[in-house]
């Protein structure tokens, strides 16, 4: 099929060229395993040079070629171990080389026996490299790791196929240079594996370096937590997810109480230590998917993907308790104030943060070392309920009566979260709520037309967007693409809280009683 000696020449060129280039580049990445990979590639090229030389020098060249190939596998496995910070089994590698040396010497004149014997020793070394690569896939950034994995799998398959074909006497190999189909395919596969390994490993090293550099840019120098830039990126991403899928997300804004007095009393070194310990304690009390970072000064921010009001409150209380266990000098403990805010689909990062900041201000104003949520809530029978009060009144009786009716319907939906009603019953209630909401929007627009006609067009548009959002999420819920909890929380908090308490109050501001 192909001239084997020509294939050998190509393999030699690729091995030596890539090995030399990687060796030169490895000086900038001393602990990446690149140097060991370069050594492996050079040894691979040397092995094939010696195979060609065996035509002239006989058994000695064959034995040296087999040992060079063995060292290729050892150095390749070692490069992976260095890259992933895995302990390399030196004794195992030495035993492998000794067995290979003996086997190659015993069967130096019998090519089939030598391949059968040596493949049995090489397969565990390749399998070890496969275990290292697969075991570290989740923690390795980028796509280079898949090329490296492909190279290892190709090598292992090559060894297994040769072992089986020779064991079952499917084909015979008279010399190493037989140009039959099986030999050609084997060496072509070896060439592809070599290219995958060289390119994949270099790409893997580059991607990890880029990832680490990116993390350095997005990490706070003092605490090691994410910095403001990272938090803003994640917040924008989560708002996008909320708009697309209805997935809930909450924000906690944390402020270290009396931090200035800690610095004044104990010094800035102690103050920095407190910030680091607080960051570590908070990070340890959160889920893996939560994003914790330093917003600035003594303020920290947490983003809680998938968390509604109940989960956000539980997380805030957990963080308040772990912070209280931190002591400065003289057994002085610290406290934190926390503002809680649930994201809305109409939010920007700025508006979402502003509500969390306002809630934090209320927490500090009410005595510190506590959390506060930007929502008028009460617990009734263990269920969170919106609390109808002055914060939701707009000062127009007709509108306030309709708001109170909608809020009562929303609270009844919140109670469904602790029960197990049928989907049909839930959709029936939602249909009634939707019809009531449509009627309310039309009625409210009539009132606005008479009182504030210049604000009618903009407010009517907000009604259309709100009803479209309700229709969109209803469709997701009916198709089982959205759980009940985020759907109901949208109705309760985005319609009944944000629209009534913020947008409606803004329109009717002149009518609100003092």
Protein backbone atom coordinates (compact mmCIF):
# COMPACT_ATOMS: atom_id res chain seq x y z
CA UNK A 1 0.00 0.00 0.00
CA UNK A 2 2.69 2.49 1.10
CA UNK A 3 6.42 2.12 1.07
CA UNK A 4 7.24 1.50 4.74
CA UNK A 5 10.69 3.06 4.57
CA UNK A 6 9.13 6.24 3.19
CA UNK A 7 6.60 6.22 6.06
CA UNK A 8 9.49 5.73 8.48
CA UNK A 9 11.25 8.76 7.01
CA UNK A 10 8.09 10.89 7.46
CA UNK A 11 7.70 9.69 11.06
CA UNK A 12 11.36 10.51 11.75
CA UNK A 13 11.01 14.01 10.29
CA UNK A 14 7.81 14.78 12.25
CA UNK A 15 9.26 13.37 15.49
CA UNK A 16 12.56 15.24 15.33
CA UNK A 17 11.13 18.51 13.99
CA UNK A 18 8.32 18.72 16.56
CA UNK A 19 10.58 17.46 19.37
CA UNK A 20 13.26 20.05 18.62
CA UNK A 21 10.76 22.92 18.37
CA UNK A 22 9.02 21.93 21.61
CA UNK A 23 12.38 21.53 23.38
CA UNK A 24 13.31 25.11 22.47
CA UNK A 25 9.90 26.41 23.59
CA UNK A 26 9.93 24.41 26.85
CA UNK A 27 12.39 26.86 28.47
CA UNK A 28 9.50 29.23 29.23
CA UNK A 29 7.38 26.44 30.76
CA UNK A 30 9.77 24.50 33.05
CA UNK A 31 7.10 22.61 35.00
CA UNK A 32 4.67 21.92 32.15
CA UNK A 33 6.13 18.60 31.01
CA UNK A 34 6.99 20.08 27.60
CA UNK A 35 10.69 19.29 27.97
CA UNK A 36 9.94 15.66 28.74
CA UNK A 37 7.52 15.52 25.81
CA UNK A 38 10.27 16.92 23.53
CA UNK A 39 12.63 14.23 24.79
CA UNK A 40 9.98 11.60 24.09
CA UNK A 41 9.51 12.82 20.52
CA UNK A 42 13.26 12.91 19.84
CA UNK A 43 13.55 9.36 21.21
CA UNK A 44 10.67 8.32 18.96
CA UNK A 45 12.48 9.69 15.92
CA UNK A 46 15.71 8.01 17.04
CA UNK A 47 13.90 4.67 17.37
CA UNK A 48 12.78 4.80 13.75
CA UNK A 49 16.25 5.86 12.58
CA UNK A 50 17.62 2.78 14.33
CA UNK A 51 14.93 0.58 12.74
CA UNK A 52 16.14 1.78 9.34
CA UNK A 53 19.77 1.31 10.44
CA UNK A 54 19.04 -2.31 11.34
CA UNK A 55 19.19 -3.08 7.62
CA UNK A 56 22.93 -2.45 7.89
CA UNK A 57 23.73 -3.04 11.56
CA UNK A 58 21.39 -5.92 12.39
CA UNK A 59 20.38 -7.03 15.89
CA UNK A 60 22.20 -4.29 17.83
CA UNK A 61 20.27 -1.56 16.00
CA UNK A 62 16.98 -3.42 16.54
CA UNK A 63 17.58 -3.73 20.29
CA UNK A 64 18.54 -0.04 20.58
CA UNK A 65 15.45 0.90 18.55
CA UNK A 66 13.17 -1.05 20.88
CA UNK A 67 14.76 0.59 23.93
CA UNK A 68 14.41 4.05 22.38
CA UNK A 69 10.75 3.32 21.73
CA UNK A 70 10.35 2.17 25.33
CA UNK A 71 11.95 5.40 26.56
CA UNK A 72 9.52 7.31 24.34
CA UNK A 73 6.60 5.83 26.28
CA UNK A 74 8.31 6.47 29.63
CA UNK A 75 9.06 10.11 28.84
CA UNK A 76 5.59 10.60 27.39
CA UNK A 77 3.96 9.28 30.57
CA UNK A 78 6.32 11.38 32.69
CA UNK A 79 5.41 14.54 30.75
CA UNK A 80 1.73 13.93 31.48
CA UNK A 81 2.45 13.36 35.17
CA UNK A 82 4.43 16.60 35.40
CA UNK A 83 1.72 18.55 33.61
CA UNK A 84 -1.02 17.26 35.92
CA UNK A 85 1.17 17.24 39.08
CA UNK A 86 0.78 13.46 39.44
CA UNK A 87 3.53 11.37 41.03
CA UNK A 88 5.42 9.49 38.35
CA UNK A 89 6.02 5.79 39.20
CA UNK A 90 9.82 5.70 38.80
CA UNK A 91 10.20 2.11 40.01
CA UNK A 92 7.41 0.96 37.70
CA UNK A 93 9.07 2.71 34.76
CA UNK A 94 12.43 1.16 35.60
CA UNK A 95 10.85 -2.32 35.82
CA UNK A 96 9.16 -1.71 32.46
CA UNK A 97 12.49 -0.80 30.83
CA UNK A 98 14.26 -3.83 32.31
CA UNK A 99 11.52 -6.18 31.04
CA UNK A 100 11.61 -4.52 27.63
CA UNK A 101 15.38 -4.83 27.45
CA UNK A 102 15.29 -8.54 28.27
CA UNK A 103 12.36 -9.24 25.92
CA UNK A 104 14.01 -7.33 23.05
CA UNK A 105 17.26 -9.18 23.57
CA UNK A 106 15.63 -12.62 23.74
CA UNK A 107 13.47 -12.09 20.65
CA UNK A 108 15.81 -9.78 18.73
CA UNK A 109 15.78 -12.09 15.70
CA UNK A 110 12.06 -13.02 15.85
CA UNK A 111 10.00 -9.98 14.90
CA UNK A 112 6.54 -11.46 15.63
CA UNK A 113 7.56 -12.80 19.05
CA UNK A 114 9.26 -9.50 19.86
CA UNK A 115 6.17 -7.47 18.95
CA UNK A 116 3.91 -9.82 20.97
CA UNK A 117 6.15 -9.73 24.01
CA UNK A 118 7.05 -6.04 23.98
CA UNK A 119 3.43 -4.93 23.37
CA UNK A 120 2.40 -6.72 26.56
CA UNK A 121 4.90 -4.61 28.52
CA UNK A 122 4.09 -1.33 26.72
CA UNK A 123 0.30 -1.58 27.13
CA UNK A 124 0.32 -1.02 30.94
CA UNK A 125 2.49 2.10 30.46
CA UNK A 126 0.05 3.50 27.87
CA UNK A 127 -2.91 2.50 30.04
CA UNK A 128 -1.32 4.42 32.95
CA UNK A 129 -1.01 7.51 30.73
CA UNK A 130 -4.67 7.08 29.76
CA UNK A 131 -5.74 6.95 33.42
CA UNK A 132 -3.77 10.14 34.15
CA UNK A 133 -5.26 11.95 31.16
CA UNK A 134 -8.86 10.87 31.82
CA UNK A 135 -8.60 11.51 35.55
CA UNK A 136 -7.55 15.11 34.95
CA UNK A 137 -9.95 15.96 32.12
CA UNK A 138 -12.40 17.96 34.30
CA UNK A 139 -9.68 20.21 35.73
CA UNK A 140 -7.85 20.84 32.46
CA UNK A 141 -9.08 23.87 30.50
CA UNK A 142 -9.36 24.01 26.72
CA UNK A 143 -9.51 21.40 23.95
CA UNK A 144 -5.88 20.35 23.62
CA UNK A 145 -6.53 17.65 26.23
CA UNK A 146 -8.81 15.84 23.76
CA UNK A 147 -6.07 15.64 21.14
CA UNK A 148 -3.68 14.20 23.73
CA UNK A 149 -6.35 11.74 24.83
CA UNK A 150 -6.93 10.74 21.19
CA UNK A 151 -3.21 10.10 20.74
CA UNK A 152 -3.09 7.84 23.81
CA UNK A 153 -6.21 5.93 22.74
CA UNK A 154 -4.81 5.47 19.20
CA UNK A 155 -1.56 4.06 20.62
CA UNK A 156 -3.42 1.70 22.91
CA UNK A 157 -5.69 0.51 20.09
CA UNK A 158 -2.65 0.03 17.87
CA UNK A 159 -0.98 -2.17 20.48
CA UNK A 160 -4.14 -4.22 21.09
CA UNK A 161 -4.78 -4.74 17.36
CA UNK A 162 -1.19 -5.87 16.73
CA UNK A 163 -1.32 -8.18 19.74
CA UNK A 164 -4.59 -9.77 18.62
CA UNK A 165 -3.68 -10.06 14.94
CA UNK A 166 -0.40 -11.80 15.71
CA UNK A 167 -1.86 -13.98 18.48
CA UNK A 168 -4.70 -15.14 16.21
CA UNK A 169 -2.33 -15.59 13.24
CA UNK A 170 -4.47 -13.22 11.14
CA UNK A 171 -1.40 -11.89 9.37
CA UNK A 172 2.27 -12.66 9.32
CA UNK A 173 5.18 -10.21 9.46
CA UNK A 174 8.31 -11.42 7.78
CA UNK A 175 10.26 -8.18 8.20
CA UNK A 176 9.62 -4.80 9.75
CA UNK A 177 9.39 -3.28 6.28
CA UNK A 178 6.62 -5.41 4.74
CA UNK A 179 4.49 -3.00 2.68
CA UNK A 180 1.17 -4.78 3.13
CA UNK A 181 -2.09 -3.06 4.09
CA UNK A 182 -1.95 -3.89 7.80
CA UNK A 183 1.60 -2.60 8.21
CA UNK A 184 0.82 0.59 6.31
CA UNK A 185 -2.30 1.26 8.40
CA UNK A 186 -0.44 0.63 11.61
CA UNK A 187 2.35 3.09 10.85
CA UNK A 188 -0.08 5.69 9.44
CA UNK A 189 -2.06 5.45 12.67
CA UNK A 190 1.18 5.83 14.61
CA UNK A 191 1.98 8.97 12.59
CA UNK A 192 -1.44 10.51 13.29
CA UNK A 193 -1.12 9.69 16.98
CA UNK A 194 2.29 11.37 17.04
CA UNK A 195 0.89 14.55 15.45
CA UNK A 196 -2.10 14.58 17.83
CA UNK A 197 0.21 14.17 20.81
CA UNK A 198 2.62 16.95 19.83
CA UNK A 199 -0.01 19.50 18.82
CA UNK A 200 -2.42 18.56 21.61
CA UNK A 201 0.17 18.78 24.39
CA UNK A 202 1.46 22.18 23.23
CA UNK A 203 -2.10 23.46 22.89
CA UNK A 204 -2.99 22.04 26.30
CA UNK A 205 -0.02 23.84 27.91
CA UNK A 206 -0.91 27.12 26.17
CA UNK A 207 -4.57 26.90 27.16
CA UNK A 208 -3.68 26.25 30.79
CA UNK A 209 -1.30 29.24 30.82
CA UNK A 210 -3.95 31.45 29.22
CA UNK A 211 -6.49 30.22 31.77
CA UNK A 212 -4.16 30.97 34.67
CA UNK A 213 -3.37 34.43 33.30
CA UNK A 214 -7.06 35.12 32.89
CA UNK A 215 -7.69 34.03 36.46
CA UNK A 216 -4.92 36.33 37.70
CA UNK A 217 -6.62 39.23 35.92
CA UNK A 218 -9.96 38.34 37.49
CA UNK A 219 -8.74 37.56 41.03
CA UNK A 220 -8.47 39.94 43.95
CA UNK A 221 -4.83 40.22 45.03
CA UNK A 222 -5.52 40.32 48.77
CA UNK A 223 -8.17 37.63 49.27
CA UNK A 224 -7.77 35.44 46.16
CA UNK A 225 -11.53 35.77 45.58
CA UNK A 226 -12.98 36.87 42.25
CA UNK A 227 -12.75 40.61 41.64
CA UNK A 228 -15.38 43.12 40.56
CA UNK A 229 -14.73 42.63 36.86
CA UNK A 230 -15.39 38.89 37.11
CA UNK A 231 -18.49 39.43 39.22
CA UNK A 232 -19.94 41.86 36.70
CA UNK A 233 -19.26 39.38 33.87
CA UNK A 234 -21.00 36.53 35.71
CA UNK A 235 -23.91 38.77 36.76
CA UNK A 236 -24.50 39.80 33.13
CA UNK A 237 -24.27 36.15 32.05
CA UNK A 238 -26.78 35.05 34.69
CA UNK A 239 -29.21 37.82 33.72
CA UNK A 240 -28.99 36.57 30.14
CA UNK A 241 -29.75 33.04 31.31
CA UNK A 242 -32.70 34.33 33.34
CA UNK A 243 -34.18 36.04 30.27
CA UNK A 244 -33.69 32.98 28.06
CA UNK A 245 -34.73 30.17 30.39
CA UNK A 246 -36.42 31.70 33.44
CA UNK A 247 -33.68 30.30 35.71
CA UNK A 248 -33.60 32.13 39.03
CA UNK A 249 -30.53 33.94 40.35
CA UNK A 250 -30.03 35.95 43.53
CA UNK A 251 -27.41 38.38 44.78
CA UNK A 252 -25.95 38.87 48.26
CA UNK A 253 -24.03 42.06 49.01
CA UNK A 254 -21.92 41.63 52.16
CA UNK A 255 -20.34 44.41 54.19
CA UNK A 256 -17.93 43.82 57.07
CA UNK A 257 -19.33 45.79 60.01
CA UNK A 258 -17.13 48.36 61.75
CA UNK A 259 -14.14 47.57 59.55
CA UNK A 260 -12.64 51.01 60.04
CA UNK A 261 -12.57 50.52 63.80
CA UNK A 262 -10.82 47.16 63.31
CA UNK A 263 -8.12 48.88 61.26
CA UNK A 264 -7.84 51.75 63.77
CA UNK A 265 -7.65 49.47 66.79
CA UNK A 266 -5.59 46.55 65.54
CA UNK A 267 -3.83 47.94 62.46
CA UNK A 268 -4.12 47.37 58.74
CA UNK A 269 -2.24 44.07 58.85
CA UNK A 270 -4.93 42.64 61.14
CA UNK A 271 -7.60 44.21 58.94
CA UNK A 272 -6.18 42.52 55.84
CA UNK A 273 -6.03 39.23 57.72
CA UNK A 274 -9.72 39.56 58.64
CA UNK A 275 -10.66 40.18 55.00
CA UNK A 276 -8.72 37.10 53.89
CA UNK A 277 -10.26 34.92 56.59
CA UNK A 278 -13.75 36.22 55.86
CA UNK A 279 -13.30 35.46 52.15
CA UNK A 280 -12.10 31.93 52.93
CA UNK A 281 -14.93 31.28 55.41
CA UNK A 282 -17.63 32.54 53.04
CA UNK A 283 -16.25 30.58 50.08
CA UNK A 284 -16.30 27.42 52.17
CA UNK A 285 -19.94 27.95 53.16
CA UNK A 286 -21.24 28.25 49.59
CA UNK A 287 -22.11 25.76 46.87
CA UNK A 288 -19.67 24.94 44.08
CA UNK A 289 -21.85 26.77 41.55
CA UNK A 290 -22.06 29.97 43.63
CA UNK A 291 -19.74 32.82 42.67
CA UNK A 292 -18.09 34.73 45.52
CA UNK A 293 -15.87 37.76 45.11
CA UNK A 294 -14.64 41.02 46.55
CA UNK A 295 -16.62 43.99 45.28
CA UNK A 296 -14.32 46.58 46.80
CA UNK A 297 -12.97 47.64 50.18
CA UNK A 298 -14.72 45.59 52.86
CA UNK A 299 -17.64 44.67 50.57
CA UNK A 300 -18.07 41.21 49.08
CA UNK A 301 -20.67 39.97 46.61
CA UNK A 302 -22.19 36.54 46.04
CA UNK A 303 -24.15 35.38 42.99
CA UNK A 304 -26.40 32.38 43.62
CA UNK A 305 -27.44 30.71 40.32
CA UNK A 306 -30.74 28.84 40.55
CA UNK A 307 -31.50 30.33 43.98
CA UNK A 308 -34.84 31.95 44.76
CA UNK A 309 -35.76 33.98 47.81
CA UNK A 310 -35.81 31.07 50.29
CA UNK A 311 -32.40 29.79 49.17
CA UNK A 312 -30.92 33.29 49.18
CA UNK A 313 -32.12 33.95 52.72
CA UNK A 314 -30.72 30.60 53.89
CA UNK A 315 -27.36 31.38 52.26
CA UNK A 316 -27.26 34.86 53.82
CA UNK A 317 -27.91 33.50 57.29
CA UNK A 318 -25.28 30.80 56.80
CA UNK A 319 -22.69 33.41 55.81
CA UNK A 320 -23.63 35.64 58.73
CA UNK A 321 -23.06 32.76 61.14
CA UNK A 322 -19.68 31.68 59.68
CA UNK A 323 -18.49 35.28 59.72
CA UNK A 324 -19.43 35.55 63.40
CA UNK A 325 -16.98 32.75 64.23
CA UNK A 326 -14.03 34.81 62.99
CA UNK A 327 -12.13 36.56 65.76
CA UNK A 328 -9.66 39.42 65.56
CA UNK A 329 -7.27 39.95 68.45
CA UNK A 330 -8.36 39.87 72.11
CA UNK A 331 -11.23 37.49 71.16
CA UNK A 332 -13.08 40.29 69.37
CA UNK A 333 -15.52 38.75 66.88
CA UNK A 334 -16.74 40.37 63.69
CA UNK A 335 -20.16 40.79 62.14
CA UNK A 336 -21.47 41.26 58.61
CA UNK A 337 -24.51 42.99 57.16
CA UNK A 338 -26.02 41.47 54.03
CA UNK A 339 -28.37 42.84 51.40
CA UNK A 340 -30.39 40.29 49.39
CA UNK A 341 -31.85 40.87 45.93
CA UNK A 342 -33.58 38.53 43.48
CA UNK A 343 -32.86 39.27 39.80
CA UNK A 344 -35.63 40.28 37.42
CA UNK A 345 -35.69 39.72 33.67
CA UNK A 346 -35.88 43.50 33.12
CA UNK A 347 -32.80 44.14 35.27
CA UNK A 348 -29.41 45.41 34.29
CA UNK A 349 -26.42 44.57 36.47
CA UNK A 350 -26.59 48.15 37.79
CA UNK A 351 -30.28 48.04 38.75
CA UNK A 352 -29.95 44.60 40.32
CA UNK A 353 -26.96 45.72 42.38
CA UNK A 354 -28.75 48.95 43.37
CA UNK A 355 -31.54 46.93 45.05
CA UNK A 356 -29.01 44.75 46.88
CA UNK A 357 -27.17 47.90 47.97
CA UNK A 358 -30.42 49.46 49.24
CA UNK A 359 -31.18 46.25 51.18
CA UNK A 360 -27.66 46.33 52.66
CA UNK A 361 -28.21 49.92 53.78
CA UNK A 362 -31.41 48.83 55.55
CA UNK A 363 -29.57 45.96 57.25
CA UNK A 364 -26.91 48.33 58.59
CA UNK A 365 -29.48 50.94 59.59
CA UNK A 366 -31.40 48.31 61.58
CA UNK A 367 -28.45 47.44 63.82
CA UNK A 368 -25.91 45.61 61.62
CA UNK A 369 -24.91 41.94 61.79
CA UNK A 370 -28.10 40.93 59.99
CA UNK A 371 -29.51 40.42 56.51
CA UNK A 372 -32.27 42.34 54.80
CA UNK A 373 -34.15 41.56 51.58
CA UNK A 374 -35.49 44.16 49.18
CA UNK A 375 -38.95 42.62 49.41
CA UNK A 376 -41.79 43.16 51.94
CA UNK A 377 -42.12 39.55 53.12
CA UNK A 378 -43.60 37.67 56.02
CA UNK A 379 -43.75 33.98 56.90
CA UNK A 380 -47.13 32.36 57.24
CA UNK A 381 -47.19 28.70 58.20
CA UNK A 382 -43.57 28.38 57.09
CA UNK A 383 -44.37 29.84 53.65
CA UNK A 384 -43.01 33.18 52.44
CA UNK A 385 -45.76 35.66 51.59
CA UNK A 386 -45.72 39.16 50.17
CA UNK A 387 -46.81 41.63 52.79
CA UNK A 388 -49.32 44.18 51.51
CA UNK A 389 -48.44 47.56 52.96
CA UNK A 390 -47.50 51.12 52.24
CA UNK A 391 -44.49 50.09 50.15
CA UNK A 392 -46.91 48.63 47.55
CA UNK A 393 -49.62 51.31 47.60
CA UNK A 394 -49.76 53.84 44.79
CA UNK A 395 -52.41 56.08 46.39
CA UNK A 396 -55.15 55.47 43.82
CA UNK A 397 -57.96 53.42 45.37
CA UNK A 398 -59.04 51.58 42.21
CA UNK A 399 -55.47 50.62 41.33
CA UNK A 400 -54.61 49.66 44.92
CA UNK A 401 -57.67 47.42 45.15
CA UNK A 402 -56.68 45.59 41.97
CA UNK A 403 -53.09 45.32 43.18
CA UNK A 404 -54.28 43.82 46.47
CA UNK A 405 -56.34 41.25 44.56
CA UNK A 406 -53.38 40.28 42.36
CA UNK A 407 -51.09 40.08 45.39
CA UNK A 408 -53.55 37.74 47.17
CA UNK A 409 -53.58 35.51 44.08
CA UNK A 410 -49.77 35.56 43.97
CA UNK A 411 -49.55 34.59 47.65
CA UNK A 412 -51.88 31.67 47.04
CA UNK A 413 -49.51 30.53 44.30
CA UNK A 414 -46.56 30.72 46.73
CA UNK A 415 -48.42 28.30 49.01
CA UNK A 416 -48.50 25.79 46.16
CA UNK A 417 -44.72 25.42 46.47
CA UNK A 418 -45.11 23.46 49.73
CA UNK A 419 -47.92 21.26 48.42
CA UNK A 420 -48.23 18.85 45.52
CA UNK A 421 -51.08 20.13 43.33
CA UNK A 422 -51.59 18.72 39.85
CA UNK A 423 -50.17 20.56 36.89
CA UNK A 424 -53.67 21.01 35.51
CA UNK A 425 -54.80 22.74 38.71
CA UNK A 426 -51.78 25.03 38.64
CA UNK A 427 -52.34 25.98 34.99
CA UNK A 428 -56.00 26.70 35.78
CA UNK A 429 -54.99 29.13 38.52
CA UNK A 430 -52.43 30.72 36.24
CA UNK A 431 -55.07 31.19 33.57
CA UNK A 432 -57.29 33.04 36.04
CA UNK A 433 -54.35 35.15 37.18
CA UNK A 434 -53.42 35.95 33.58
CA UNK A 435 -56.96 37.06 32.74
CA UNK A 436 -57.13 39.19 35.90
CA UNK A 437 -53.76 40.74 35.07
CA UNK A 438 -54.85 41.62 31.51
CA UNK A 439 -57.99 43.29 32.87
CA UNK A 440 -55.90 45.16 35.45
CA UNK A 441 -53.45 46.44 32.84
CA UNK A 442 -56.32 47.81 30.71
CA UNK A 443 -57.94 49.40 33.76
CA UNK A 444 -54.66 50.91 34.96
CA UNK A 445 -53.95 52.37 31.53
CA UNK A 446 -57.32 54.11 31.61
CA UNK A 447 -56.40 55.71 34.93
CA UNK A 448 -52.96 56.76 33.63
CA UNK A 449 -54.54 58.24 30.48
CA UNK A 450 -56.64 60.50 32.67
CA UNK A 451 -53.93 61.42 35.19
CA UNK A 452 -50.54 61.17 33.44
CA UNK A 453 -51.15 60.90 29.66
CA UNK A 454 -47.50 61.60 28.80
CA UNK A 455 -46.47 58.42 30.69
CA UNK A 456 -49.11 56.19 29.11
CA UNK A 457 -47.17 54.95 26.08
CA UNK A 458 -44.09 53.92 28.04
CA UNK A 459 -46.11 52.26 30.81
CA UNK A 460 -48.36 50.44 28.34
CA UNK A 461 -45.21 49.04 26.71
CA UNK A 462 -44.06 47.71 30.10
CA UNK A 463 -47.44 45.96 30.42
CA UNK A 464 -47.00 44.33 27.00
CA UNK A 465 -43.49 43.14 27.93
CA UNK A 466 -44.70 41.78 31.27
CA UNK A 467 -47.59 39.86 29.68
CA UNK A 468 -45.31 38.53 26.92
CA UNK A 469 -42.89 37.34 29.58
CA UNK A 470 -45.70 35.61 31.46
CA UNK A 471 -46.84 33.90 28.24
CA UNK A 472 -43.26 32.84 27.40
CA UNK A 473 -42.64 31.30 30.84
CA UNK A 474 -46.07 29.63 30.85
CA UNK A 475 -45.07 27.90 27.61
CA UNK A 476 -41.80 26.74 29.16
CA UNK A 477 -43.66 25.42 32.22
CA UNK A 478 -46.25 23.59 30.10
CA UNK A 479 -43.43 21.96 28.10
CA UNK A 480 -41.67 20.89 31.35
CA UNK A 481 -38.71 23.13 30.50
CA UNK A 482 -39.19 25.30 33.59
CA UNK A 483 -39.81 24.09 37.16
CA UNK A 484 -42.73 25.47 39.15
CA UNK A 485 -40.59 27.38 41.67
CA UNK A 486 -38.93 29.90 39.29
CA UNK A 487 -42.22 30.32 37.41
CA UNK A 488 -44.16 31.26 40.53
CA UNK A 489 -41.33 33.45 41.81
CA UNK A 490 -41.44 35.40 38.54
CA UNK A 491 -45.15 36.06 39.02
CA UNK A 492 -44.79 36.98 42.67
CA UNK A 493 -41.63 39.06 42.61
CA UNK A 494 -41.37 40.43 39.09
CA UNK A 495 -45.04 41.22 38.51
CA UNK A 496 -46.29 41.87 42.02
CA UNK A 497 -43.14 43.38 43.45
CA UNK A 498 -41.13 45.04 40.73
CA UNK A 499 -44.00 46.24 38.55
CA UNK A 500 -46.33 47.30 41.33
CA UNK A 501 -43.81 48.59 43.85
CA UNK A 502 -41.45 50.28 41.42
CA UNK A 503 -42.94 51.00 38.01
CA UNK A 504 -46.51 51.70 39.12
CA UNK A 505 -45.43 53.80 42.08
CA UNK A 506 -43.20 55.83 39.78
CA UNK A 507 -46.15 56.61 37.49
CA UNK A 508 -48.50 57.46 40.34
CA UNK A 509 -45.86 59.18 42.46
CA UNK A 510 -47.88 62.37 42.64
CA UNK A 511 -50.88 60.50 44.04
CA UNK A 512 -49.11 58.56 46.82
CA UNK A 513 -50.10 59.82 50.23
CA UNK A 514 -47.40 60.80 52.64
